[in-house]
Amino acid sequence: MPRMLDVSNEVRAEIGDEEADRLLAGDSAPGGYDCTSCRTPGDPEQERTSTVLFVGDETAVLAFAHSTCLPSQVVQVTEEQLQSAARSISGYATAPAAPPQDAPYAQAAPYAQDAPYAQDAETAPAAPYQAAPHQSAAPYAVPEQAVLGVTSGLVLIAGELHPALVVEPTAPVARPGSLGPGDDFLPLLIEQGFMPVTELSTAPAVLHGWSVLLAVGQLHAVLQPNPNGGQPVAWWQAHQPLQVTEGWRAAANKHQQVLLFAAPVGSIGRQPREDLLRDALDRAAANGRLVTAALPLAGL
């Protein structure tokens, strides 16, 4: 039976025609796999399957996903992200990255069992904003560097559960060159395409060019467009992969996107339960202190 495997032109350019043809012929494709997005079993002989190539600075990993979860694509990640994800995979292997047409790679092995879910927010140093064309320059925190707190949870909107990330800095964020202590966190995000909301009654529109990077079912980064072109760059990156619940992951797989809510320092706080998180979001929205967008998934 022929393999129902999709190798995009982008992936083919990286791994070369010979290896792509071997995959399509079934010579090097797995008999079964754990989907890189939803982490449930897949079979390229029974269902359409996407090849997803993750390329770091020194290594590359070829993973597989249900076509209904992710399209075949190349995702550029940092070497730290790639190695961290690979360490979460049982029996993984990686190979040095190389220029297109010659890039060696390793196939991802089956996933290890889920790690316990931690509700506490993950924090990481705020990555510098990358100014997109015709948009504002990068902000910085005053007086100290801001740290972005990120909390995952499910948010009920119009009777349906959506996976959400709530981002709140630990200090005001200002534009470069600003002399005052003002907070430009929300205005800068609005200039990037995020929309202010006064109530959570409908899901926000998709912000194209931005995405949420899930690796082996864990949250690794929020990506934004590269102002110089090419692969997206990290807007926020976790110190360590952030665990998400099975329900959160299932909702992300269903919607193929994550709702990102952002509020200035002091608006949300660290909430231990999803109902309290929703109350905090509603208050921030009612007070005009919340912006949001739907970000598509990228995954390993």
C-alpha atoms as a PDB file:
ATOM      1  CA  MET A   1       0.000   0.000   0.000  1.00  0.00           C
ATOM      2  CA  PRO A   2       1.490   3.428  -0.916  1.00  0.00           C
ATOM      3  CA  ARG A   3       2.437   5.756   1.901  1.00  0.00           C
ATOM      4  CA  MET A   4       0.090   8.732   2.371  1.00  0.00           C
ATOM      5  CA  LEU A   5       3.042  10.989   3.110  1.00  0.00           C
ATOM      6  CA  ASP A   6       3.300  14.677   2.273  1.00  0.00           C
ATOM      7  CA  VAL A   7       6.775  16.145   1.707  1.00  0.00           C
ATOM      8  CA  SER A   8       6.479  19.856   0.963  1.00  0.00           C
ATOM      9  CA  ASN A   9       8.789  21.604  -1.488  1.00  0.00           C
ATOM     10  CA  GLU A  10      10.314  23.412   1.491  1.00  0.00           C
ATOM     11  CA  VAL A  11      11.167  20.147   3.256  1.00  0.00           C
ATOM     12  CA  ARG A  12      12.377  18.578  -0.009  1.00  0.00           C
ATOM     13  CA  ALA A  13      14.761  21.501  -0.565  1.00  0.00           C
ATOM     14  CA  GLU A  14      16.324  20.881   2.834  1.00  0.00           C
ATOM     15  CA  ILE A  15      16.658  17.091   2.790  1.00  0.00           C
ATOM     16  CA  GLY A  16      17.265  16.677  -0.939  1.00  0.00           C
ATOM     17  CA  ASP A  17      15.332  14.929  -3.695  1.00  0.00           C
ATOM     18  CA  GLU A  18      16.872  11.517  -3.072  1.00  0.00           C
ATOM     19  CA  GLU A  19      15.886  11.363   0.587  1.00  0.00           C
ATOM     20  CA  ALA A  20      12.453  12.845  -0.130  1.00  0.00           C
ATOM     21  CA  ASP A  21      11.829  10.127  -2.725  1.00  0.00           C
ATOM     22  CA  ARG A  22      12.961   7.466  -0.252  1.00  0.00           C
ATOM     23  CA  LEU A  23      10.471   8.773   2.281  1.00  0.00           C
ATOM     24  CA  LEU A  24       7.654   8.767  -0.237  1.00  0.00           C
ATOM     25  CA  ALA A  25       8.558   5.235  -1.311  1.00  0.00           C
ATOM     26  CA  GLY A  26       8.472   4.087   2.300  1.00  0.00           C
ATOM     27  CA  ASP A  27      12.158   3.148   2.425  1.00  0.00           C
ATOM     28  CA  SER A  28      12.927   5.466   5.337  1.00  0.00           C
ATOM     29  CA  ALA A  29       9.479   6.541   6.578  1.00  0.00           C
ATOM     30  CA  PRO A  30       8.286   5.095   9.880  1.00  0.00           C
ATOM     31  CA  GLY A  31       5.716   2.315   9.979  1.00  0.00           C
ATOM     32  CA  GLY A  32       3.983   4.301  12.701  1.00  0.00           C
ATOM     33  CA  TYR A  33       4.632   7.490  14.620  1.00  0.00           C
ATOM     34  CA  ASP A  34       3.407   9.701  17.431  1.00  0.00           C
ATOM     35  CA  CYS A  35       2.029  12.935  15.971  1.00  0.00           C
ATOM     36  CA  THR A  36       4.298  15.871  16.773  1.00  0.00           C
ATOM     37  CA  SER A  37       1.276  18.042  17.486  1.00  0.00           C
ATOM     38  CA  CYS A  38      -1.404  15.973  19.221  1.00  0.00           C
ATOM     39  CA  ARG A  39       0.945  13.164  20.343  1.00  0.00           C
ATOM     40  CA  THR A  40      -1.492  10.420  19.355  1.00  0.00           C
ATOM     41  CA  PRO A  41      -0.423   7.498  17.126  1.00  0.00           C
ATOM     42  CA  GLY A  42      -0.407   7.857  13.366  1.00  0.00           C
ATOM     43  CA  ASP A  43       0.121   5.508  10.438  1.00  0.00           C
ATOM     44  CA  PRO A  44       1.262   6.846   7.043  1.00  0.00           C
ATOM     45  CA  GLU A  45      -0.278   3.817   5.370  1.00  0.00           C
ATOM     46  CA  GLN A  46      -3.712   4.601   6.785  1.00  0.00           C
ATOM     47  CA  GLU A  47      -3.931   8.396   7.025  1.00  0.00           C
ATOM     48  CA  ARG A  48      -2.388  11.443   5.431  1.00  0.00           C
ATOM     49  CA  THR A  49       0.855  12.339   7.203  1.00  0.00           C
ATOM     50  CA  SER A  50       3.001  15.484   7.086  1.00  0.00           C
ATOM     51  CA  THR A  51       6.777  15.645   7.318  1.00  0.00           C
ATOM     52  CA  VAL A  52       7.933  18.484   9.560  1.00  0.00           C
ATOM     53  CA  LEU A  53      11.637  19.331   9.598  1.00  0.00           C
ATOM     54  CA  PHE A  54      12.981  21.270  12.565  1.00  0.00           C
ATOM     55  CA  VAL A  55      16.353  22.886  11.877  1.00  0.00           C
ATOM     56  CA  GLY A  56      18.578  24.242  14.631  1.00  0.00           C
ATOM     57  CA  ASP A  57      21.986  25.890  14.442  1.00  0.00           C
ATOM     58  CA  GLU A  58      23.844  22.564  14.368  1.00  0.00           C
ATOM     59  CA  THR A  59      21.264  19.783  14.193  1.00  0.00           C
ATOM     60  CA  ALA A  60      18.012  18.926  12.471  1.00  0.00           C
ATOM     61  CA  VAL A  61      15.146  16.610  13.366  1.00  0.00           C
ATOM     62  CA  LEU A  62      12.549  15.224  10.976  1.00  0.00           C
ATOM     63  CA  ALA A  63       9.234  14.605  12.695  1.00  0.00           C
ATOM     64  CA  PHE A  64       5.822  13.422  11.520  1.00  0.00           C
ATOM     65  CA  ALA A  65       2.320  14.747  12.124  1.00  0.00           C
ATOM     66  CA  HIS A  66      -1.217  14.042  11.050  1.00  0.00           C
ATOM     67  CA  SER A  67      -1.941  16.268   8.055  1.00  0.00           C
ATOM     68  CA  THR A  68      -5.044  17.460   9.894  1.00  0.00           C
ATOM     69  CA  CYS A  69      -2.774  18.696  12.707  1.00  0.00           C
ATOM     70  CA  LEU A  70       0.105  20.323  10.822  1.00  0.00           C
ATOM     71  CA  PRO A  71       1.101  20.848   7.196  1.00  0.00           C
ATOM     72  CA  SER A  72       4.476  19.693   5.913  1.00  0.00           C
ATOM     73  CA  GLN A  73       6.919  22.513   6.644  1.00  0.00           C
ATOM     74  CA  VAL A  74      10.373  23.567   7.802  1.00  0.00           C
ATOM     75  CA  VAL A  75      10.556  25.286  11.178  1.00  0.00           C
ATOM     76  CA  GLN A  76      13.707  27.136  12.187  1.00  0.00           C
ATOM     77  CA  VAL A  77      14.392  26.867  15.926  1.00  0.00           C
ATOM     78  CA  THR A  78      17.325  27.579  18.172  1.00  0.00           C
ATOM     79  CA  GLU A  79      19.700  24.747  18.946  1.00  0.00           C
ATOM     80  CA  GLU A  80      18.688  24.974  22.598  1.00  0.00           C
ATOM     81  CA  GLN A  81      15.011  24.538  21.700  1.00  0.00           C
ATOM     82  CA  LEU A  82      15.803  21.596  19.448  1.00  0.00           C
ATOM     83  CA  GLN A  83      17.986  19.809  21.964  1.00  0.00           C
ATOM     84  CA  SER A  84      15.552  20.466  24.800  1.00  0.00           C
ATOM     85  CA  ALA A  85      12.732  18.990  22.750  1.00  0.00           C
ATOM     86  CA  ALA A  86      14.859  16.054  21.704  1.00  0.00           C
ATOM     87  CA  ARG A  87      15.766  15.271  25.320  1.00  0.00           C
ATOM     88  CA  SER A  88      12.047  14.846  25.972  1.00  0.00           C
ATOM     89  CA  ILE A  89      11.832  12.134  23.323  1.00  0.00           C
ATOM     90  CA  SER A  90      12.660   8.555  24.218  1.00  0.00           C
ATOM     91  CA  GLY A  91      15.629   7.301  22.239  1.00  0.00           C
ATOM     92  CA  TYR A  92      16.016  10.433  20.130  1.00  0.00           C
ATOM     93  CA  ALA A  93      18.893  11.194  17.813  1.00  0.00           C
ATOM     94  CA  THR A  94      19.944  14.285  15.931  1.00  0.00           C
ATOM     95  CA  ALA A  95      22.399  15.006  13.167  1.00  0.00           C
ATOM     96  CA  PRO A  96      24.364  18.107  12.154  1.00  0.00           C
ATOM     97  CA  ALA A  97      22.429  20.621  10.110  1.00  0.00           C
ATOM     98  CA  ALA A  98      23.778  21.454   6.679  1.00  0.00           C
ATOM     99  CA  PRO A  99      22.987  23.708   3.736  1.00  0.00           C
ATOM    100  CA  PRO A 100      19.940  22.831   1.571  1.00  0.00           C
ATOM    101  CA  GLN A 101      20.193  19.751  -0.669  1.00  0.00           C
ATOM    102  CA  ASP A 102      22.717  18.155   1.690  1.00  0.00           C
ATOM    103  CA  ALA A 103      21.086  18.505   5.098  1.00  0.00           C
ATOM    104  CA  PRO A 104      21.387  15.347   7.178  1.00  0.00           C
ATOM    105  CA  TYR A 105      18.687  14.824   9.738  1.00  0.00           C
ATOM    106  CA  ALA A 106      17.432  12.359  12.285  1.00  0.00           C
ATOM    107  CA  GLN A 107      13.895  11.105  12.633  1.00  0.00           C
ATOM    108  CA  ALA A 108      12.136  11.745  15.890  1.00  0.00           C
ATOM    109  CA  ALA A 109      11.512   8.654  17.984  1.00  0.00           C
ATOM    110  CA  PRO A 110       8.212   7.966  19.816  1.00  0.00           C
ATOM    111  CA  TYR A 111       7.400  10.402  22.588  1.00  0.00           C
ATOM    112  CA  ALA A 112       8.086   9.758  26.210  1.00  0.00           C
ATOM    113  CA  GLN A 113       5.148   9.765  28.598  1.00  0.00           C
ATOM    114  CA  ASP A 114       3.577  13.069  29.569  1.00  0.00           C
ATOM    115  CA  ALA A 115       5.260  14.962  32.366  1.00  0.00           C
ATOM    116  CA  PRO A 116       3.038  16.242  35.203  1.00  0.00           C
ATOM    117  CA  TYR A 117       1.227  19.470  34.416  1.00  0.00           C
ATOM    118  CA  ALA A 118       2.369  22.561  36.291  1.00  0.00           C
ATOM    119  CA  GLN A 119      -0.208  25.323  36.521  1.00  0.00           C
ATOM    120  CA  ASP A 120       2.319  27.924  37.670  1.00  0.00           C
ATOM    121  CA  ALA A 121       3.271  30.495  35.076  1.00  0.00           C
ATOM    122  CA  GLU A 122       6.604  30.173  33.295  1.00  0.00           C
ATOM    123  CA  THR A 123       8.740  33.295  33.097  1.00  0.00           C
ATOM    124  CA  ALA A 124      11.615  34.121  30.806  1.00  0.00           C
ATOM    125  CA  PRO A 125      13.506  37.291  29.911  1.00  0.00           C
ATOM    126  CA  ALA A 126      11.524  39.313  27.444  1.00  0.00           C
ATOM    127  CA  ALA A 127      12.991  38.788  24.010  1.00  0.00           C
ATOM    128  CA  PRO A 128      13.562  42.045  22.105  1.00  0.00           C
ATOM    129  CA  TYR A 129      10.705  42.983  19.823  1.00  0.00           C
ATOM    130  CA  GLN A 130      11.588  42.752  16.151  1.00  0.00           C
ATOM    131  CA  ALA A 131      10.304  45.813  14.346  1.00  0.00           C
ATOM    132  CA  ALA A 132       8.318  44.813  11.291  1.00  0.00           C
ATOM    133  CA  PRO A 133       8.248  47.054   8.190  1.00  0.00           C
ATOM    134  CA  HIS A 134       6.318  50.270   8.803  1.00  0.00           C
ATOM    135  CA  GLN A 135       6.006  49.420  12.477  1.00  0.00           C
ATOM    136  CA  SER A 136       7.574  50.769  15.627  1.00  0.00           C
ATOM    137  CA  ALA A 137      11.058  50.064  16.866  1.00  0.00           C
ATOM    138  CA  ALA A 138      11.830  47.615  19.664  1.00  0.00           C
ATOM    139  CA  PRO A 139      10.700  48.505  23.180  1.00  0.00           C
ATOM    140  CA  TYR A 140      12.711  48.033  26.332  1.00  0.00           C
ATOM    141  CA  ALA A 141      11.820  47.898  30.005  1.00  0.00           C
ATOM    142  CA  VAL A 142      12.308  50.852  32.351  1.00  0.00           C
ATOM    143  CA  PRO A 143      13.936  50.987  34.810  1.00  0.00           C
ATOM    144  CA  GLU A 144      14.896  47.281  34.760  1.00  0.00           C
ATOM    145  CA  GLN A 145      14.574  44.666  32.061  1.00  0.00           C
ATOM    146  CA  ALA A 146      11.050  43.294  31.910  1.00  0.00           C
ATOM    147  CA  VAL A 147      10.362  39.610  32.328  1.00  0.00           C
ATOM    148  CA  LEU A 148       7.337  38.144  30.592  1.00  0.00           C
ATOM    149  CA  GLY A 149       5.178  35.868  32.711  1.00  0.00           C
ATOM    150  CA  VAL A 150       3.268  33.334  30.592  1.00  0.00           C
ATOM    151  CA  THR A 151       0.360  31.267  31.904  1.00  0.00           C
ATOM    152  CA  SER A 152      -1.506  28.620  29.923  1.00  0.00           C
ATOM    153  CA  GLY A 153      -5.174  27.808  30.408  1.00  0.00           C
ATOM    154  CA  LEU A 154      -8.478  27.074  28.717  1.00  0.00           C
ATOM    155  CA  VAL A 155     -10.810  30.013  28.092  1.00  0.00           C
ATOM    156  CA  LEU A 156     -14.528  29.605  27.378  1.00  0.00           C
ATOM    157  CA  ILE A 157     -15.715  31.863  24.552  1.00  0.00           C
ATOM    158  CA  ALA A 158     -19.177  31.571  22.979  1.00  0.00           C
ATOM    159  CA  GLY A 159     -19.696  28.170  24.561  1.00  0.00           C
ATOM    160  CA  GLU A 160     -16.439  26.665  23.299  1.00  0.00           C
ATOM    161  CA  LEU A 161     -13.134  26.062  25.070  1.00  0.00           C
ATOM    162  CA  HIS A 162     -10.061  27.663  23.486  1.00  0.00           C
ATOM    163  CA  PRO A 163      -6.398  27.138  24.439  1.00  0.00           C
ATOM    164  CA  ALA A 164      -4.969  30.413  25.684  1.00  0.00           C
ATOM    165  CA  LEU A 165      -1.689  31.967  26.747  1.00  0.00           C
ATOM    166  CA  VAL A 166      -1.785  34.987  29.034  1.00  0.00           C
ATOM    167  CA  VAL A 167       1.278  37.245  28.923  1.00  0.00           C
ATOM    168  CA  GLU A 168       2.048  39.907  31.502  1.00  0.00           C
ATOM    169  CA  PRO A 169       5.428  41.643  31.997  1.00  0.00           C
ATOM    170  CA  THR A 170       6.890  42.212  35.443  1.00  0.00           C
ATOM    171  CA  ALA A 171       7.759  45.835  34.714  1.00  0.00           C
ATOM    172  CA  PRO A 172       6.626  48.625  32.385  1.00  0.00           C
ATOM    173  CA  VAL A 173       7.816  48.310  28.793  1.00  0.00           C
ATOM    174  CA  ALA A 174       8.823  51.473  26.926  1.00  0.00           C
ATOM    175  CA  ARG A 175      10.024  52.371  23.457  1.00  0.00           C
ATOM    176  CA  PRO A 176      13.739  52.825  22.773  1.00  0.00           C
ATOM    177  CA  GLY A 177      14.765  56.382  23.424  1.00  0.00           C
ATOM    178  CA  SER A 178      11.885  57.054  25.779  1.00  0.00           C
ATOM    179  CA  LEU A 179      12.969  59.162  28.753  1.00  0.00           C
ATOM    180  CA  GLY A 180       9.884  58.688  30.904  1.00  0.00           C
ATOM    181  CA  PRO A 181       8.611  55.742  32.959  1.00  0.00           C
ATOM    182  CA  GLY A 182       5.565  55.200  30.741  1.00  0.00           C
ATOM    183  CA  ASP A 183       4.310  51.770  29.718  1.00  0.00           C
ATOM    184  CA  ASP A 184       3.989  51.181  25.951  1.00  0.00           C
ATOM    185  CA  PHE A 185       3.504  47.405  26.130  1.00  0.00           C
ATOM    186  CA  LEU A 186      -0.039  47.422  24.717  1.00  0.00           C
ATOM    187  CA  PRO A 187       0.462  50.168  22.097  1.00  0.00           C
ATOM    188  CA  LEU A 188       3.497  48.331  20.729  1.00  0.00           C
ATOM    189  CA  LEU A 189       1.552  45.075  20.471  1.00  0.00           C
ATOM    190  CA  ILE A 190      -1.346  46.863  18.791  1.00  0.00           C
ATOM    191  CA  GLU A 191       1.108  48.185  16.207  1.00  0.00           C
ATOM    192  CA  GLN A 192       2.148  44.568  15.598  1.00  0.00           C
ATOM    193  CA  GLY A 193      -1.458  43.579  14.870  1.00  0.00           C
ATOM    194  CA  PHE A 194      -2.920  42.631  18.245  1.00  0.00           C
ATOM    195  CA  MET A 195      -6.412  43.964  18.891  1.00  0.00           C
ATOM    196  CA  PRO A 196      -7.741  45.604  22.069  1.00  0.00           C
ATOM    197  CA  VAL A 197     -10.853  43.976  23.556  1.00  0.00           C
ATOM    198  CA  THR A 198     -13.385  45.141  26.132  1.00  0.00           C
ATOM    199  CA  GLU A 199     -15.041  41.741  26.614  1.00  0.00           C
ATOM    200  CA  LEU A 200     -14.309  38.115  25.780  1.00  0.00           C
ATOM    201  CA  SER A 201     -17.409  37.386  23.726  1.00  0.00           C
ATOM    202  CA  THR A 202     -15.853  36.242  20.433  1.00  0.00           C
ATOM    203  CA  ALA A 203     -12.564  34.629  19.447  1.00  0.00           C
ATOM    204  CA  PRO A 204     -10.041  37.093  17.971  1.00  0.00           C
ATOM    205  CA  ALA A 205      -8.858  37.051  14.369  1.00  0.00           C
ATOM    206  CA  VAL A 206      -5.702  35.205  13.332  1.00  0.00           C
ATOM    207  CA  LEU A 207      -2.511  37.276  13.394  1.00  0.00           C
ATOM    208  CA  HIS A 208      -0.607  35.916  10.419  1.00  0.00           C
ATOM    209  CA  GLY A 209       3.154  35.648  10.722  1.00  0.00           C
ATOM    210  CA  TRP A 210       2.994  34.943  14.447  1.00  0.00           C
ATOM    211  CA  SER A 211       2.775  31.410  15.840  1.00  0.00           C
ATOM    212  CA  VAL A 212       3.075  29.289  18.983  1.00  0.00           C
ATOM    213  CA  LEU A 213       5.834  26.682  18.997  1.00  0.00           C
ATOM    214  CA  LEU A 214       4.901  23.389  20.663  1.00  0.00           C
ATOM    215  CA  ALA A 215       7.633  20.777  20.938  1.00  0.00           C
ATOM    216  CA  VAL A 216       6.759  17.240  22.045  1.00  0.00           C
ATOM    217  CA  GLY A 217       3.551  18.590  23.528  1.00  0.00           C
ATOM    218  CA  GLN A 218       5.268  21.331  25.534  1.00  0.00           C
ATOM    219  CA  LEU A 219       5.292  25.079  25.023  1.00  0.00           C
ATOM    220  CA  HIS A 220       8.664  26.408  23.891  1.00  0.00           C
ATOM    221  CA  ALA A 221       8.177  29.829  22.334  1.00  0.00           C
ATOM    222  CA  VAL A 222       5.972  32.444  20.729  1.00  0.00           C
ATOM    223  CA  LEU A 223       7.320  33.295  17.292  1.00  0.00           C
ATOM    224  CA  GLN A 224       6.950  36.504  15.320  1.00  0.00           C
ATOM    225  CA  PRO A 225       7.869  37.566  11.772  1.00  0.00           C
ATOM    226  CA  ASN A 226      11.524  38.193  11.045  1.00  0.00           C
ATOM    227  CA  PRO A 227      11.879  41.827   9.864  1.00  0.00           C
ATOM    228  CA  ASN A 228      14.776  40.723   7.661  1.00  0.00           C
ATOM    229  CA  GLY A 229      12.729  37.976   6.029  1.00  0.00           C
ATOM    230  CA  GLY A 230      13.215  34.250   6.354  1.00  0.00           C
ATOM    231  CA  GLN A 231      12.203  32.078   9.277  1.00  0.00           C
ATOM    232  CA  PRO A 232      10.290  33.585  12.234  1.00  0.00           C
ATOM    233  CA  VAL A 233      12.158  34.635  15.355  1.00  0.00           C
ATOM    234  CA  ALA A 234      11.271  34.236  19.031  1.00  0.00           C
ATOM    235  CA  TRP A 235       9.252  36.994  20.679  1.00  0.00           C
ATOM    236  CA  TRP A 236       9.165  34.986  23.910  1.00  0.00           C
ATOM    237  CA  GLN A 237      11.115  31.832  24.711  1.00  0.00           C
ATOM    238  CA  ALA A 238      10.776  29.613  27.783  1.00  0.00           C
ATOM    239  CA  HIS A 239      13.729  28.907  30.076  1.00  0.00           C
ATOM    240  CA  GLN A 240      12.400  25.350  30.243  1.00  0.00           C
ATOM    241  CA  PRO A 241       9.515  23.862  28.249  1.00  0.00           C
ATOM    242  CA  LEU A 242       6.187  24.801  29.804  1.00  0.00           C
ATOM    243  CA  GLN A 243       3.927  21.826  30.478  1.00  0.00           C
ATOM    244  CA  VAL A 244       0.332  22.083  29.274  1.00  0.00           C
ATOM    245  CA  THR A 245      -2.628  19.889  30.136  1.00  0.00           C
ATOM    246  CA  GLU A 246      -3.941  17.177  27.862  1.00  0.00           C
ATOM    247  CA  GLY A 247      -7.136  19.225  27.527  1.00  0.00           C
ATOM    248  CA  TRP A 248      -5.179  22.317  26.482  1.00  0.00           C
ATOM    249  CA  ARG A 249      -3.240  20.317  23.908  1.00  0.00           C
ATOM    250  CA  ALA A 250      -6.427  18.700  22.577  1.00  0.00           C
ATOM    251  CA  ALA A 251      -8.086  22.107  22.215  1.00  0.00           C
ATOM    252  CA  ALA A 252      -5.012  23.489  20.432  1.00  0.00           C
ATOM    253  CA  ASN A 253      -5.074  20.539  18.054  1.00  0.00           C
ATOM    254  CA  LYS A 254      -8.800  21.027  17.413  1.00  0.00           C
ATOM    255  CA  HIS A 255      -8.579  24.750  16.667  1.00  0.00           C
ATOM    256  CA  GLN A 256      -5.040  24.683  15.198  1.00  0.00           C
ATOM    257  CA  GLN A 257      -4.397  27.953  16.973  1.00  0.00           C
ATOM    258  CA  VAL A 258      -3.832  29.461  20.409  1.00  0.00           C
ATOM    259  CA  LEU A 259      -5.383  32.658  21.742  1.00  0.00           C
ATOM    260  CA  LEU A 260      -2.761  34.992  23.161  1.00  0.00           C
ATOM    261  CA  PHE A 261      -3.907  37.620  25.649  1.00  0.00           C
ATOM    262  CA  ALA A 262      -1.503  40.336  26.789  1.00  0.00           C
ATOM    263  CA  ALA A 263      -1.913  42.885  29.562  1.00  0.00           C
ATOM    264  CA  PRO A 264       0.422  45.437  31.183  1.00  0.00           C
ATOM    265  CA  VAL A 265       2.123  44.800  34.508  1.00  0.00           C
ATOM    266  CA  GLY A 266      -0.275  44.551  37.446  1.00  0.00           C
ATOM    267  CA  SER A 267      -3.336  43.701  35.365  1.00  0.00           C
ATOM    268  CA  ILE A 268      -3.618  39.906  35.720  1.00  0.00           C
ATOM    269  CA  GLY A 269      -1.335  38.530  38.425  1.00  0.00           C
ATOM    270  CA  ARG A 270      -0.547  34.852  38.946  1.00  0.00           C
ATOM    271  CA  GLN A 271      -3.816  32.965  39.127  1.00  0.00           C
ATOM    272  CA  PRO A 272      -3.784  29.343  40.373  1.00  0.00           C
ATOM    273  CA  ARG A 273      -7.063  28.309  38.695  1.00  0.00           C
ATOM    274  CA  GLU A 274      -8.580  28.806  35.261  1.00  0.00           C
ATOM    275  CA  ASP A 275     -11.777  30.369  36.668  1.00  0.00           C
ATOM    276  CA  LEU A 276      -9.693  32.972  38.510  1.00  0.00           C
ATOM    277  CA  LEU A 277      -7.628  33.551  35.379  1.00  0.00           C
ATOM    278  CA  ARG A 278     -10.815  34.162  33.392  1.00  0.00           C
ATOM    279  CA  ASP A 279     -12.057  36.633  36.032  1.00  0.00           C
ATOM    280  CA  ALA A 280      -8.767  38.518  35.786  1.00  0.00           C
ATOM    281  CA  LEU A 281      -8.996  38.606  31.989  1.00  0.00           C
ATOM    282  CA  ASP A 282     -12.556  39.933  32.137  1.00  0.00           C
ATOM    283  CA  ARG A 283     -11.500  42.702  34.526  1.00  0.00           C
ATOM    284  CA  ALA A 284      -8.511  43.665  32.377  1.00  0.00           C
ATOM    285  CA  ALA A 285     -10.711  43.780  29.263  1.00  0.00           C
ATOM    286  CA  ALA A 286     -13.370  45.890  30.967  1.00  0.00           C
ATOM    287  CA  ASN A 287     -10.669  48.316  32.087  1.00  0.00           C
ATOM    288  CA  GLY A 288      -9.205  48.621  28.559  1.00  0.00           C
ATOM    289  CA  ARG A 289      -5.997  46.823  29.546  1.00  0.00           C
ATOM    290  CA  LEU A 290      -6.111  43.732  27.317  1.00  0.00           C
ATOM    291  CA  VAL A 291      -5.112  42.941  23.731  1.00  0.00           C
ATOM    292  CA  THR A 292      -5.440  39.620  21.963  1.00  0.00           C
ATOM    293  CA  ALA A 293      -4.878  37.658  18.751  1.00  0.00           C
ATOM    294  CA  ALA A 294      -5.167  34.065  17.564  1.00  0.00           C
ATOM    295  CA  LEU A 295      -1.775  32.561  16.719  1.00  0.00           C
ATOM    296  CA  PRO A 296      -1.445  29.456  14.502  1.00  0.00           C
ATOM    297  CA  LEU A 297       0.401  26.403  15.785  1.00  0.00           C
ATOM    298  CA  ALA A 298       3.868  25.294  14.916  1.00  0.00           C
ATOM    299  CA  GLY A 299       4.992  22.051  16.489  1.00  0.00           C
ATOM    300  CA  LEU A 300       7.668  19.406  16.898  1.00  0.00           C
END
